[in-house]
Every structure is written in C-alpha cells, then in structure tokens.
Amino acid sequence: MTNIAVLVSGGGTNLQALLDAQEAGRLPGGKIVRVIASNPGAYALERAARHGIAASVVARKAYATAEEFDGALLKELEDCQADLIVLAGFLCILGEKVIGAYRNRIINVHPSLIPAFCGKGYYGLKVHEAALAYGVKVTGATVHFVNEIPDGGAIILQKAVAIQPGDTPETLQRRVMEQAEWELLPRAVALFCQGKLSIDGRVTVIHE
C-alpha cells in the first residue's frame, strides 16, 4: 500500500477530489494517511477531519528560515511514513532537502497547460488572469512530478479546457478545476500507486 500525504494551503478542493476518489475505490493501491497544511486556517483541515484523515499544520511563518521549515515538513512526512506526496494547492516552494528525499515521489497539479503560464509567481487566480490577458483560446491543467524548478518536473497528464466568451478568472478557474484538475489528479495518483509511472529523461512513461 502506498501511503499518501497531501499538502494543502487553502480550501482543499483538490484534496476533496482525492478523498472522493479514495472513497469510491478509484485510488487502488493507495491510502491518504495525512493532510499537512501550511496555514492553520485552511479549510482543507476541516475536509480531512470530516473524512477521518489525520491532519497537522506546518506553518511557514512559524519558522525563521526555509531550511527549518523543510526540516519540520520532513519530520511530519517521516512520521506518517509517506511514500507519495501530493501538492494540492500548496503555496510554499519545497526546498532541495524535501525534494531530494522524495525524488520522483512528489506530484503537483497546476492550472494551465505547462509550459504556458507556469513557474514562480503563477498560482491560483494569477494563472487564469494571465491566460485571459494573453488571449489564448485554450487552457487546461497539468499534473507533473516536482523537481527543483517550479513547475519544471516531468509531465504526467494534461487536459485542455476551452476558454469561453465572457470568462472571468473566477469562472475559468472553476471550469478548469471541474473539467481537468479534479479528473487528472486522482488518475495520476492512482497510476503512481499502481506502479504504472516511470520517468525517462524528461518524459513520464505510463505503463497501462
């Protein structure tokens, strides 16, 4: 069984998609064992409690340095014996120590078709604002492995979502979540937990 730790910062809508998938039997070989929030007020913590998932808080501002924060996060991950880390709206950049300890075992979901509108500074509504400002006709979501470059790891899954006339960042964000993020993230996690993913250079190979 693959022990899954989900890292969150806010509302936890992607966490909810994972919890729903687990309860529907769509995460074969995996089990969410811990939710870790960077924000003590994150609503995601309430979602975890409602589903009986152990949760903890590692608040970035509680630590003087990034290194101390990474150390505290590593301790939590080791405590729950995590095999896979899923970043589900986690707004803190992971340090080299964490990434190195869980190389090719950290998955993130990003609300654009990487390499468009990604990297440092592109998160939340900012991604959708940028897509609308640029005038693209198609956006979407990407699930990828995490490395030392923000949004730079090997891509696992992508799905396109059409931009509609009159879209606002908020309406676009919601549609990308509903049509892409909530579908792709559980599927990618399930593939990992079943041992169906491998990385060849920059390419993720899916063994169906």
Protein backbone atom coordinates (compact mmCIF):
# COMPACT_ATOMS: atom_id res chain seq x y z
CA MET A 1 0.00 0.00 0.00
CA THR A 2 1.28 3.45 -0.96
CA ASN A 3 0.95 5.94 1.91
CA ILE A 4 -0.12 9.32 0.54
CA ALA A 5 0.48 12.66 2.25
CA VAL A 6 -1.47 15.59 0.79
CA LEU A 7 -0.04 19.10 1.28
CA VAL A 8 -2.52 21.97 1.25
CA SER A 9 -2.72 25.70 1.94
CA GLY A 10 -6.33 26.75 1.42
CA GLY A 11 -9.80 25.44 0.65
CA GLY A 12 -8.76 21.95 -0.35
CA THR A 13 -10.92 21.38 -3.42
CA ASN A 14 -8.29 19.12 -4.98
CA LEU A 15 -7.94 17.32 -1.64
CA GLN A 16 -11.70 16.74 -1.79
CA ALA A 17 -11.35 15.24 -5.27
CA LEU A 18 -8.77 12.82 -3.88
CA LEU A 19 -10.89 11.96 -0.84
CA ASP A 20 -13.91 11.31 -3.06
CA ALA A 21 -11.80 9.14 -5.38
CA GLN A 22 -10.46 7.14 -2.45
CA GLU A 23 -13.93 6.52 -1.05
CA ALA A 24 -15.15 5.47 -4.49
CA GLY A 25 -12.32 2.94 -4.81
CA ARG A 26 -10.52 4.91 -7.52
CA LEU A 27 -7.14 5.04 -5.74
CA PRO A 28 -6.26 1.34 -5.86
CA GLY A 29 -3.03 0.61 -4.04
CA GLY A 30 -3.02 3.99 -2.29
CA LYS A 31 -4.25 5.42 1.00
CA ILE A 32 -4.32 9.03 2.19
CA VAL A 33 -2.69 8.86 5.62
CA ARG A 34 -2.00 12.53 6.38
CA VAL A 35 -3.04 16.03 5.35
CA ILE A 36 -0.44 18.70 6.10
CA ALA A 37 -1.40 22.37 5.89
CA SER A 38 0.90 25.36 5.65
CA ASN A 39 -1.89 27.53 7.04
CA PRO A 40 -3.65 26.78 10.35
CA GLY A 41 -6.84 28.35 8.99
CA ALA A 42 -7.00 26.20 5.87
CA TYR A 43 -10.50 24.84 5.26
CA ALA A 44 -8.80 21.71 3.89
CA LEU A 45 -8.16 20.72 7.52
CA GLU A 46 -11.92 20.53 8.09
CA ARG A 47 -12.29 18.35 5.00
CA ALA A 48 -9.65 15.98 6.37
CA ALA A 49 -11.40 15.82 9.75
CA ARG A 50 -14.77 15.03 8.16
CA HIS A 51 -13.20 12.06 6.38
CA GLY A 52 -11.27 10.79 9.38
CA ILE A 53 -7.84 11.65 7.96
CA ALA A 54 -5.10 12.68 10.39
CA ALA A 55 -4.00 16.27 9.81
CA SER A 56 -1.26 18.57 11.02
CA VAL A 57 -0.03 22.11 10.44
CA VAL A 58 3.48 23.14 9.43
CA ALA A 59 3.15 26.91 9.06
CA ARG A 60 5.90 28.56 7.04
CA LYS A 61 5.78 31.75 9.10
CA ALA A 62 6.44 29.75 12.28
CA TYR A 63 10.00 29.08 11.14
CA ALA A 64 12.80 31.62 10.82
CA THR A 65 14.34 30.02 7.73
CA ALA A 66 13.27 27.91 4.77
CA GLU A 67 15.66 25.21 5.97
CA GLU A 68 13.89 24.98 9.35
CA PHE A 69 10.53 24.77 7.59
CA ASP A 70 11.81 21.97 5.34
CA GLY A 71 13.11 20.11 8.39
CA ALA A 72 9.75 20.33 10.14
CA LEU A 73 7.95 19.20 6.99
CA LEU A 74 10.30 16.26 6.57
CA LYS A 75 9.65 15.22 10.15
CA GLU A 76 5.90 15.15 9.52
CA LEU A 77 6.34 13.17 6.30
CA GLU A 78 8.59 10.65 8.00
CA ASP A 79 6.19 10.41 10.93
CA CYS A 80 3.34 9.26 8.67
CA GLN A 81 5.68 7.07 6.59
CA ALA A 82 4.69 8.85 3.39
CA ASP A 83 5.55 7.13 0.12
CA LEU A 84 3.95 9.75 -2.14
CA ILE A 85 3.49 13.49 -1.59
CA VAL A 86 0.68 15.25 -3.43
CA LEU A 87 0.71 19.05 -3.61
CA ALA A 88 -2.94 20.08 -3.77
CA GLY A 89 -2.92 23.87 -3.74
CA PHE A 90 0.22 24.01 -1.60
CA LEU A 91 1.57 27.55 -1.90
CA CYS A 92 5.03 27.01 -0.38
CA ILE A 93 8.02 26.15 -2.56
CA LEU A 94 9.58 22.90 -1.40
CA GLY A 95 13.28 23.02 -0.62
CA GLU A 96 16.02 20.82 -2.05
CA LYS A 97 16.13 18.70 1.11
CA VAL A 98 12.48 17.65 0.78
CA ILE A 99 12.67 17.18 -2.99
CA GLY A 100 15.84 15.14 -2.67
CA ALA A 101 14.35 12.88 -0.01
CA TYR A 102 11.28 12.19 -2.16
CA ARG A 103 12.76 12.31 -5.64
CA ASN A 104 10.13 11.34 -8.25
CA ARG A 105 7.63 10.80 -5.44
CA ILE A 106 6.12 14.30 -5.33
CA ILE A 107 3.19 15.17 -7.63
CA ASN A 108 1.69 18.62 -8.23
CA VAL A 109 -1.35 19.84 -10.14
CA HIS A 110 -1.03 23.18 -11.96
CA PRO A 111 -3.96 25.04 -13.58
CA SER A 112 -2.51 25.57 -17.04
CA LEU A 113 -1.04 23.58 -19.91
CA ILE A 114 2.63 23.66 -18.91
CA PRO A 115 4.88 25.24 -20.18
CA ALA A 116 2.33 28.06 -20.56
CA PHE A 117 1.62 30.31 -17.57
CA CYS A 118 3.74 28.43 -15.08
CA GLY A 119 6.78 28.87 -12.86
CA LYS A 120 7.44 31.22 -9.98
CA GLY A 121 4.60 33.64 -9.30
CA TYR A 122 1.99 31.71 -11.28
CA TYR A 123 -0.51 30.28 -8.81
CA GLY A 124 -4.22 30.43 -8.10
CA LEU A 125 -6.18 33.09 -9.94
CA LYS A 126 -2.96 34.65 -11.26
CA VAL A 127 -2.67 31.79 -13.76
CA HIS A 128 -6.15 32.36 -15.15
CA GLU A 129 -5.71 36.13 -15.20
CA ALA A 130 -2.58 35.67 -17.30
CA ALA A 131 -4.30 33.27 -19.70
CA LEU A 132 -7.19 35.68 -20.27
CA ALA A 133 -4.87 38.67 -20.62
CA TYR A 134 -2.83 36.84 -23.26
CA GLY A 135 -5.95 35.95 -25.21
CA VAL A 136 -5.37 32.21 -25.56
CA LYS A 137 -8.35 30.16 -26.69
CA VAL A 138 -7.45 27.01 -24.78
CA THR A 139 -6.07 26.47 -21.30
CA GLY A 140 -6.27 23.45 -19.00
CA ALA A 141 -4.43 21.65 -16.24
CA THR A 142 -1.24 19.65 -15.84
CA VAL A 143 -0.20 17.05 -13.29
CA HIS A 144 3.57 16.72 -13.06
CA PHE A 145 6.38 15.44 -10.91
CA VAL A 146 8.11 18.06 -8.78
CA ASN A 147 11.79 18.91 -9.09
CA GLU A 148 13.89 21.91 -8.03
CA ILE A 149 12.44 24.11 -10.80
CA PRO A 150 8.93 25.46 -10.07
CA ASP A 151 6.52 23.61 -12.40
CA GLY A 152 9.57 22.14 -14.15
CA GLY A 153 9.24 18.42 -13.48
CA ALA A 154 8.23 15.68 -15.91
CA ILE A 155 4.62 15.95 -17.06
CA ILE A 156 2.30 13.04 -16.19
CA LEU A 157 -1.12 14.08 -17.53
CA GLN A 158 -2.65 17.11 -19.22
CA LYS A 159 -6.14 18.08 -20.30
CA ALA A 160 -7.26 21.07 -22.34
CA VAL A 161 -10.20 23.29 -21.38
CA ALA A 162 -11.70 25.80 -23.82
CA ILE A 163 -11.92 29.46 -22.83
CA GLN A 164 -15.43 30.83 -23.31
CA PRO A 165 -16.51 34.37 -24.30
CA GLY A 166 -17.10 36.44 -21.19
CA ASP A 167 -14.92 34.27 -18.96
CA THR A 168 -13.57 35.88 -15.81
CA PRO A 169 -10.60 34.50 -13.90
CA GLU A 170 -13.08 33.08 -11.38
CA THR A 171 -15.34 31.31 -13.89
CA LEU A 172 -12.33 29.97 -15.76
CA GLN A 173 -10.73 28.73 -12.55
CA ARG A 174 -13.88 26.85 -11.63
CA ARG A 175 -14.23 25.21 -15.06
CA VAL A 176 -10.57 24.16 -15.15
CA MET A 177 -10.97 22.58 -11.72
CA GLU A 178 -14.19 20.77 -12.62
CA GLN A 179 -13.20 19.61 -16.10
CA ALA A 180 -9.48 18.95 -15.62
CA GLU A 181 -7.88 19.19 -12.17
CA TRP A 182 -10.39 17.03 -10.28
CA GLU A 183 -10.17 14.39 -13.00
CA LEU A 184 -6.43 14.37 -13.65
CA LEU A 185 -5.07 14.45 -10.10
CA PRO A 186 -6.81 11.31 -8.79
CA ARG A 187 -5.96 9.49 -12.03
CA ALA A 188 -2.27 10.40 -11.76
CA VAL A 189 -2.17 9.36 -8.10
CA ALA A 190 -3.81 6.04 -8.95
CA LEU A 191 -1.28 5.40 -11.72
CA PHE A 192 1.58 6.10 -9.31
CA CYS A 193 0.14 3.85 -6.60
CA GLN A 194 -0.24 1.00 -9.09
CA GLY A 195 3.38 1.35 -10.19
CA LYS A 196 2.38 2.41 -13.70
CA LEU A 197 4.59 5.51 -13.96
CA SER A 198 8.28 5.76 -14.79
CA ILE A 199 10.47 8.67 -15.88
CA ASP A 200 12.71 8.51 -18.93
CA GLY A 201 14.67 11.76 -19.02
CA ARG A 202 12.02 14.48 -19.14
CA VAL A 203 9.27 12.11 -20.25
CA THR A 204 6.87 10.28 -17.95
CA VAL A 205 6.04 6.85 -19.35
CA ILE A 206 2.64 5.42 -18.46
CA HIS A 207 2.51 1.63 -18.33
CA GLU A 208 -1.15 0.77 -18.76
